[in-house]
Amino acid sequence: MRQTRVLLVDDHPVVRSGYRRLLEQDGDITVVGEAADVEEGHTAWVSLTPDVLVTDLSMPGAGGVELLRKVLARDSEARVLVCSMYDSAQMVRRALDSGARGFVSKNAPPDSLVAAVRAVDRGGRYLSADLSPSLLNRAEQDEAERLAALSQREFEIFRLLAEGHSPAECARLLSLSPKTVANNQTQIKDKLGVATSAALVHLALRHGVIDGRQPR
């Protein structure tokens, strides 16, 4: 039986212990590590390379959104699941917009966490049943609308950047000046509402602009 390897990041040891017992009860999920803050979590994620990272949003110092940023900057296909008591629509949207594959409220039934880990490990997305599905749909719709607002030139630059080409390579491939590409790159990020290259790649993968089937 294939084991789904999970890393838990939460500043409460009792919470992590409960997650571990819950996730490992059926035998197909193994918790390979735990961490109490963002720095510990990022270090553990790099060294352990888990299939799924489960993180809280609120922790001492930098929060879960910062951990999302750091992880996705290193691997744009990382599968991150947020489990938090801060489950307002704004916080859920912020987590999803930052690249989380799912969100489980700490008020949800315990089995929701197990279902979420399995769904995210398969490459899917997940919201616990106590959260409005429209949050997930709205996030995807907003992204689709922002993508549609790109000009043809911007879209081609976006696609090439998401494939890993440097701005200089984009300029050569599209017969444009490096300055033009640099200006367009800034405009593209502004239009798409992404701050980093990793977030740009993640958005492209979600919408099928580039092929994400290469080995992780």
C-alpha atoms as a PDB file:
ATOM      1  CA  MET A   1       0.000   0.000   0.000  1.00  0.00           C
ATOM      2  CA  ARG A   2       1.351   3.416  -0.955  1.00  0.00           C
ATOM      3  CA  GLN A   3       1.853   5.697   2.035  1.00  0.00           C
ATOM      4  CA  THR A   4       0.990   9.383   1.867  1.00  0.00           C
ATOM      5  CA  ARG A   5       3.784  11.172   3.725  1.00  0.00           C
ATOM      6  CA  VAL A   6       2.604  14.194   5.717  1.00  0.00           C
ATOM      7  CA  LEU A   7       4.386  17.010   7.543  1.00  0.00           C
ATOM      8  CA  LEU A   8       2.440  18.791  10.313  1.00  0.00           C
ATOM      9  CA  VAL A   9       3.156  22.441  11.169  1.00  0.00           C
ATOM     10  CA  ASP A  10       1.241  23.849  14.150  1.00  0.00           C
ATOM     11  CA  ASP A  11       2.495  25.607  17.253  1.00  0.00           C
ATOM     12  CA  HIS A  12       0.358  23.474  19.616  1.00  0.00           C
ATOM     13  CA  PRO A  13       1.890  20.049  20.430  1.00  0.00           C
ATOM     14  CA  VAL A  14      -1.482  18.667  21.556  1.00  0.00           C
ATOM     15  CA  VAL A  15      -3.018  19.619  18.207  1.00  0.00           C
ATOM     16  CA  ARG A  16      -0.185  17.975  16.273  1.00  0.00           C
ATOM     17  CA  SER A  17      -0.526  14.824  18.389  1.00  0.00           C
ATOM     18  CA  GLY A  18      -4.252  14.700  17.661  1.00  0.00           C
ATOM     19  CA  TYR A  19      -3.667  15.182  13.940  1.00  0.00           C
ATOM     20  CA  ARG A  20      -1.097  12.396  13.929  1.00  0.00           C
ATOM     21  CA  ARG A  21      -3.435   9.890  15.610  1.00  0.00           C
ATOM     22  CA  LEU A  22      -6.292  10.853  13.307  1.00  0.00           C
ATOM     23  CA  LEU A  23      -4.281  10.673  10.084  1.00  0.00           C
ATOM     24  CA  GLU A  24      -2.473   7.420  10.857  1.00  0.00           C
ATOM     25  CA  GLN A  25      -5.511   5.440  12.015  1.00  0.00           C
ATOM     26  CA  ASP A  26      -6.257   3.792   8.632  1.00  0.00           C
ATOM     27  CA  GLY A  27      -2.672   2.910   7.770  1.00  0.00           C
ATOM     28  CA  ASP A  28      -2.343   4.696   4.404  1.00  0.00           C
ATOM     29  CA  ILE A  29      -1.059   8.016   5.796  1.00  0.00           C
ATOM     30  CA  THR A  30       2.196   8.458   7.700  1.00  0.00           C
ATOM     31  CA  VAL A  31       3.229  11.624   9.547  1.00  0.00           C
ATOM     32  CA  VAL A  32       6.936  11.926   8.780  1.00  0.00           C
ATOM     33  CA  GLY A  33       7.607  15.087  10.757  1.00  0.00           C
ATOM     34  CA  GLU A  34       6.285  17.900  12.915  1.00  0.00           C
ATOM     35  CA  ALA A  35       7.227  21.561  13.358  1.00  0.00           C
ATOM     36  CA  ALA A  36       6.057  24.402  15.581  1.00  0.00           C
ATOM     37  CA  ASP A  37       6.753  27.472  13.426  1.00  0.00           C
ATOM     38  CA  VAL A  38       7.460  28.630   9.894  1.00  0.00           C
ATOM     39  CA  GLU A  39      11.255  28.287   9.986  1.00  0.00           C
ATOM     40  CA  GLU A  40      11.119  24.807  11.498  1.00  0.00           C
ATOM     41  CA  GLY A  41       8.371  23.876   9.056  1.00  0.00           C
ATOM     42  CA  HIS A  42      10.299  25.056   6.005  1.00  0.00           C
ATOM     43  CA  THR A  43      13.486  23.295   7.119  1.00  0.00           C
ATOM     44  CA  ALA A  44      11.554  20.072   7.751  1.00  0.00           C
ATOM     45  CA  TRP A  45       9.756  20.329   4.416  1.00  0.00           C
ATOM     46  CA  VAL A  46      13.053  20.700   2.540  1.00  0.00           C
ATOM     47  CA  SER A  47      14.695  17.769   4.318  1.00  0.00           C
ATOM     48  CA  LEU A  48      11.717  15.395   4.452  1.00  0.00           C
ATOM     49  CA  THR A  49      10.045  16.188   1.082  1.00  0.00           C
ATOM     50  CA  PRO A  50       6.560  15.115   2.250  1.00  0.00           C
ATOM     51  CA  ASP A  51       3.688  14.484  -0.158  1.00  0.00           C
ATOM     52  CA  VAL A  52       1.423  16.885   1.749  1.00  0.00           C
ATOM     53  CA  LEU A  53       2.187  19.753   4.112  1.00  0.00           C
ATOM     54  CA  VAL A  54      -0.546  20.555   6.667  1.00  0.00           C
ATOM     55  CA  THR A  55      -0.149  23.970   8.281  1.00  0.00           C
ATOM     56  CA  ASP A  56      -2.015  26.365  10.541  1.00  0.00           C
ATOM     57  CA  LEU A  57      -2.318  30.028   9.583  1.00  0.00           C
ATOM     58  CA  SER A  58      -1.629  31.557  12.994  1.00  0.00           C
ATOM     59  CA  MET A  59       1.734  30.756  14.572  1.00  0.00           C
ATOM     60  CA  PRO A  60       4.369  32.713  16.494  1.00  0.00           C
ATOM     61  CA  GLY A  61       6.295  35.046  14.235  1.00  0.00           C
ATOM     62  CA  ALA A  62       5.555  34.589  10.532  1.00  0.00           C
ATOM     63  CA  GLY A  63       2.294  32.733   9.861  1.00  0.00           C
ATOM     64  CA  GLY A  64       1.154  29.957   7.590  1.00  0.00           C
ATOM     65  CA  VAL A  65       0.795  32.205   4.552  1.00  0.00           C
ATOM     66  CA  GLU A  66       4.519  32.973   4.784  1.00  0.00           C
ATOM     67  CA  LEU A  67       5.249  29.240   4.959  1.00  0.00           C
ATOM     68  CA  LEU A  68       3.126  28.794   1.836  1.00  0.00           C
ATOM     69  CA  ARG A  69       5.160  31.483   0.089  1.00  0.00           C
ATOM     70  CA  LYS A  70       8.494  29.939   1.068  1.00  0.00           C
ATOM     71  CA  VAL A  71       7.482  26.410   0.102  1.00  0.00           C
ATOM     72  CA  LEU A  72       5.928  27.367  -3.239  1.00  0.00           C
ATOM     73  CA  ALA A  73       8.924  29.532  -4.099  1.00  0.00           C
ATOM     74  CA  ARG A  74      10.994  26.341  -3.911  1.00  0.00           C
ATOM     75  CA  ASP A  75       8.457  23.976  -5.499  1.00  0.00           C
ATOM     76  CA  SER A  76       5.497  25.490  -7.331  1.00  0.00           C
ATOM     77  CA  GLU A  77       3.711  22.110  -7.274  1.00  0.00           C
ATOM     78  CA  ALA A  78       3.952  21.588  -3.522  1.00  0.00           C
ATOM     79  CA  ARG A  79       0.722  20.268  -2.032  1.00  0.00           C
ATOM     80  CA  VAL A  80      -0.159  22.409   0.959  1.00  0.00           C
ATOM     81  CA  LEU A  81      -3.304  22.056   3.072  1.00  0.00           C
ATOM     82  CA  VAL A  82      -4.335  24.709   5.599  1.00  0.00           C
ATOM     83  CA  CYS A  83      -6.114  23.653   8.787  1.00  0.00           C
ATOM     84  CA  SER A  84      -7.073  26.646  10.897  1.00  0.00           C
ATOM     85  CA  MET A  85      -9.642  28.052  13.298  1.00  0.00           C
ATOM     86  CA  TYR A  86      -9.426  31.331  11.394  1.00  0.00           C
ATOM     87  CA  ASP A  87     -11.913  30.294   8.728  1.00  0.00           C
ATOM     88  CA  SER A  88     -13.525  33.553   7.641  1.00  0.00           C
ATOM     89  CA  ALA A  89     -14.151  33.913   3.916  1.00  0.00           C
ATOM     90  CA  GLN A  90     -11.319  36.446   3.742  1.00  0.00           C
ATOM     91  CA  MET A  91      -8.810  34.115   5.384  1.00  0.00           C
ATOM     92  CA  VAL A  92      -9.845  31.117   3.285  1.00  0.00           C
ATOM     93  CA  ARG A  93      -9.534  33.150   0.095  1.00  0.00           C
ATOM     94  CA  ARG A  94      -6.153  34.480   1.199  1.00  0.00           C
ATOM     95  CA  ALA A  95      -4.874  30.954   1.753  1.00  0.00           C
ATOM     96  CA  LEU A  96      -6.217  29.717  -1.583  1.00  0.00           C
ATOM     97  CA  ASP A  97      -4.898  32.749  -3.448  1.00  0.00           C
ATOM     98  CA  SER A  98      -1.494  32.101  -1.860  1.00  0.00           C
ATOM     99  CA  GLY A  99      -1.403  28.611  -3.356  1.00  0.00           C
ATOM    100  CA  ALA A 100      -2.996  26.302  -0.766  1.00  0.00           C
ATOM    101  CA  ARG A 101      -4.652  23.263  -2.356  1.00  0.00           C
ATOM    102  CA  GLY A 102      -7.292  23.074   0.365  1.00  0.00           C
ATOM    103  CA  PHE A 103      -8.624  24.473   3.612  1.00  0.00           C
ATOM    104  CA  VAL A 104     -10.071  22.606   6.587  1.00  0.00           C
ATOM    105  CA  SER A 105     -11.697  24.524   9.415  1.00  0.00           C
ATOM    106  CA  LYS A 106     -10.749  23.323  12.891  1.00  0.00           C
ATOM    107  CA  ASN A 107     -14.502  23.366  13.551  1.00  0.00           C
ATOM    108  CA  ALA A 108     -15.054  20.684  10.876  1.00  0.00           C
ATOM    109  CA  PRO A 109     -15.604  16.984  11.711  1.00  0.00           C
ATOM    110  CA  PRO A 110     -12.257  15.206  12.318  1.00  0.00           C
ATOM    111  CA  ASP A 111     -12.624  12.971   9.257  1.00  0.00           C
ATOM    112  CA  SER A 112     -12.488  16.091   7.099  1.00  0.00           C
ATOM    113  CA  LEU A 113      -8.743  16.350   7.652  1.00  0.00           C
ATOM    114  CA  VAL A 114      -8.190  12.771   6.473  1.00  0.00           C
ATOM    115  CA  ALA A 115     -10.349  13.327   3.384  1.00  0.00           C
ATOM    116  CA  ALA A 116      -8.556  16.583   2.650  1.00  0.00           C
ATOM    117  CA  VAL A 117      -5.077  15.044   2.855  1.00  0.00           C
ATOM    118  CA  ARG A 118      -6.105  12.250   0.495  1.00  0.00           C
ATOM    119  CA  ALA A 119      -7.712  14.668  -1.971  1.00  0.00           C
ATOM    120  CA  VAL A 120      -4.742  17.031  -2.008  1.00  0.00           C
ATOM    121  CA  ASP A 121      -2.296  14.123  -2.352  1.00  0.00           C
ATOM    122  CA  ARG A 122      -4.175  13.050  -5.497  1.00  0.00           C
ATOM    123  CA  GLY A 123      -3.720  16.520  -6.941  1.00  0.00           C
ATOM    124  CA  GLY A 124      -7.226  17.711  -6.132  1.00  0.00           C
ATOM    125  CA  ARG A 125      -8.517  20.629  -4.101  1.00  0.00           C
ATOM    126  CA  TYR A 126     -10.599  20.484  -0.934  1.00  0.00           C
ATOM    127  CA  LEU A 127     -12.745  22.628   1.342  1.00  0.00           C
ATOM    128  CA  SER A 128     -14.293  21.193   4.500  1.00  0.00           C
ATOM    129  CA  ALA A 129     -18.079  20.916   4.340  1.00  0.00           C
ATOM    130  CA  ASP A 130     -18.629  23.761   6.819  1.00  0.00           C
ATOM    131  CA  LEU A 131     -17.074  26.211   4.351  1.00  0.00           C
ATOM    132  CA  SER A 132     -18.910  27.563   1.329  1.00  0.00           C
ATOM    133  CA  PRO A 133     -17.924  25.788  -1.928  1.00  0.00           C
ATOM    134  CA  SER A 134     -18.303  29.172  -3.606  1.00  0.00           C
ATOM    135  CA  LEU A 135     -15.020  30.214  -1.979  1.00  0.00           C
ATOM    136  CA  LEU A 136     -13.169  27.662  -4.083  1.00  0.00           C
ATOM    137  CA  ASN A 137     -15.245  28.337  -7.191  1.00  0.00           C
ATOM    138  CA  ARG A 138     -14.930  32.096  -6.795  1.00  0.00           C
ATOM    139  CA  ALA A 139     -11.156  31.873  -6.451  1.00  0.00           C
ATOM    140  CA  GLU A 140     -10.933  29.872  -9.682  1.00  0.00           C
ATOM    141  CA  GLN A 141     -13.365  32.206 -11.467  1.00  0.00           C
ATOM    142  CA  ASP A 142     -11.431  35.290 -10.380  1.00  0.00           C
ATOM    143  CA  GLU A 143      -8.213  33.780 -11.712  1.00  0.00           C
ATOM    144  CA  ALA A 144      -9.852  32.838 -15.008  1.00  0.00           C
ATOM    145  CA  GLU A 145     -11.139  36.380 -15.431  1.00  0.00           C
ATOM    146  CA  ARG A 146      -7.696  37.837 -14.700  1.00  0.00           C
ATOM    147  CA  LEU A 147      -6.128  35.457 -17.220  1.00  0.00           C
ATOM    148  CA  ALA A 148      -8.674  36.497 -19.848  1.00  0.00           C
ATOM    149  CA  ALA A 149      -7.712  40.137 -19.289  1.00  0.00           C
ATOM    150  CA  LEU A 150      -4.139  39.526 -20.488  1.00  0.00           C
ATOM    151  CA  SER A 151      -3.299  40.714 -23.980  1.00  0.00           C
ATOM    152  CA  GLN A 152      -2.023  38.140 -26.466  1.00  0.00           C
ATOM    153  CA  ARG A 153       1.568  39.326 -25.987  1.00  0.00           C
ATOM    154  CA  GLU A 154       1.191  39.262 -22.186  1.00  0.00           C
ATOM    155  CA  PHE A 155      -0.275  35.772 -22.308  1.00  0.00           C
ATOM    156  CA  GLU A 156       2.628  34.437 -24.397  1.00  0.00           C
ATOM    157  CA  ILE A 157       5.162  35.992 -22.029  1.00  0.00           C
ATOM    158  CA  PHE A 158       3.192  34.598 -19.076  1.00  0.00           C
ATOM    159  CA  ARG A 159       3.225  31.102 -20.606  1.00  0.00           C
ATOM    160  CA  LEU A 160       6.956  31.183 -21.308  1.00  0.00           C
ATOM    161  CA  LEU A 161       7.786  32.509 -17.855  1.00  0.00           C
ATOM    162  CA  ALA A 162       5.626  29.792 -16.289  1.00  0.00           C
ATOM    163  CA  GLU A 163       7.519  27.176 -18.302  1.00  0.00           C
ATOM    164  CA  GLY A 164      10.729  28.382 -16.671  1.00  0.00           C
ATOM    165  CA  HIS A 165      12.166  30.625 -19.367  1.00  0.00           C
ATOM    166  CA  SER A 166      14.107  33.668 -18.205  1.00  0.00           C
ATOM    167  CA  PRO A 167      12.995  37.156 -19.331  1.00  0.00           C
ATOM    168  CA  ALA A 168      16.000  37.226 -21.680  1.00  0.00           C
ATOM    169  CA  GLU A 169      14.918  33.927 -23.265  1.00  0.00           C
ATOM    170  CA  CYS A 170      11.348  35.235 -23.605  1.00  0.00           C
ATOM    171  CA  ALA A 171      12.673  38.291 -25.413  1.00  0.00           C
ATOM    172  CA  ARG A 172      14.666  36.129 -27.828  1.00  0.00           C
ATOM    173  CA  LEU A 173      11.813  33.675 -28.495  1.00  0.00           C
ATOM    174  CA  LEU A 174       9.261  36.438 -29.112  1.00  0.00           C
ATOM    175  CA  SER A 175      11.628  38.838 -30.907  1.00  0.00           C
ATOM    176  CA  LEU A 176      11.092  41.530 -28.293  1.00  0.00           C
ATOM    177  CA  SER A 177      13.491  43.762 -26.423  1.00  0.00           C
ATOM    178  CA  PRO A 178      14.455  42.707 -22.870  1.00  0.00           C
ATOM    179  CA  LYS A 179      13.034  45.988 -21.589  1.00  0.00           C
ATOM    180  CA  THR A 180       9.660  45.261 -23.205  1.00  0.00           C
ATOM    181  CA  VAL A 181       9.558  41.816 -21.603  1.00  0.00           C
ATOM    182  CA  ALA A 182      10.562  43.232 -18.204  1.00  0.00           C
ATOM    183  CA  ASN A 183       7.784  45.825 -18.386  1.00  0.00           C
ATOM    184  CA  ASN A 184       5.265  43.204 -19.468  1.00  0.00           C
ATOM    185  CA  GLN A 185       6.370  40.862 -16.682  1.00  0.00           C
ATOM    186  CA  THR A 186       5.529  43.524 -14.099  1.00  0.00           C
ATOM    187  CA  GLN A 187       2.160  44.219 -15.730  1.00  0.00           C
ATOM    188  CA  ILE A 188       1.355  40.500 -15.911  1.00  0.00           C
ATOM    189  CA  LYS A 189       1.995  39.994 -12.197  1.00  0.00           C
ATOM    190  CA  ASP A 190      -0.112  43.057 -11.399  1.00  0.00           C
ATOM    191  CA  LYS A 191      -3.006  41.862 -13.574  1.00  0.00           C
ATOM    192  CA  LEU A 192      -2.894  38.313 -12.197  1.00  0.00           C
ATOM    193  CA  GLY A 193      -2.499  39.442  -8.608  1.00  0.00           C
ATOM    194  CA  VAL A 194       0.657  37.397  -7.983  1.00  0.00           C
ATOM    195  CA  ALA A 195       3.768  38.671  -6.253  1.00  0.00           C
ATOM    196  CA  THR A 196       6.283  35.919  -6.994  1.00  0.00           C
ATOM    197  CA  SER A 197       7.376  33.777  -9.907  1.00  0.00           C
ATOM    198  CA  ALA A 198       6.363  30.674  -7.946  1.00  0.00           C
ATOM    199  CA  ALA A 199       2.794  31.958  -7.566  1.00  0.00           C
ATOM    200  CA  LEU A 200       2.726  32.703 -11.297  1.00  0.00           C
ATOM    201  CA  VAL A 201       3.753  29.112 -12.100  1.00  0.00           C
ATOM    202  CA  HIS A 202       1.200  27.737  -9.658  1.00  0.00           C
ATOM    203  CA  LEU A 203      -1.588  29.733 -11.314  1.00  0.00           C
ATOM    204  CA  ALA A 204      -0.507  28.517 -14.757  1.00  0.00           C
ATOM    205  CA  LEU A 205      -0.598  24.892 -13.580  1.00  0.00           C
ATOM    206  CA  ARG A 206      -4.064  25.270 -12.027  1.00  0.00           C
ATOM    207  CA  HIS A 207      -5.501  26.562 -15.304  1.00  0.00           C
ATOM    208  CA  GLY A 208      -3.714  24.169 -17.644  1.00  0.00           C
ATOM    209  CA  VAL A 209      -1.589  26.847 -19.294  1.00  0.00           C
ATOM    210  CA  ILE A 210       1.446  24.614 -18.815  1.00  0.00           C
ATOM    211  CA  ASP A 211       1.743  20.860 -18.399  1.00  0.00           C
ATOM    212  CA  GLY A 212       2.089  19.832 -14.769  1.00  0.00           C
ATOM    213  CA  ARG A 213       2.390  16.092 -15.380  1.00  0.00           C
ATOM    214  CA  GLN A 214       6.174  15.965 -15.117  1.00  0.00           C
ATOM    215  CA  PRO A 215       7.505  13.980 -12.122  1.00  0.00           C
ATOM    216  CA  ARG A 216       7.517  15.876  -8.852  1.00  0.00           C
END
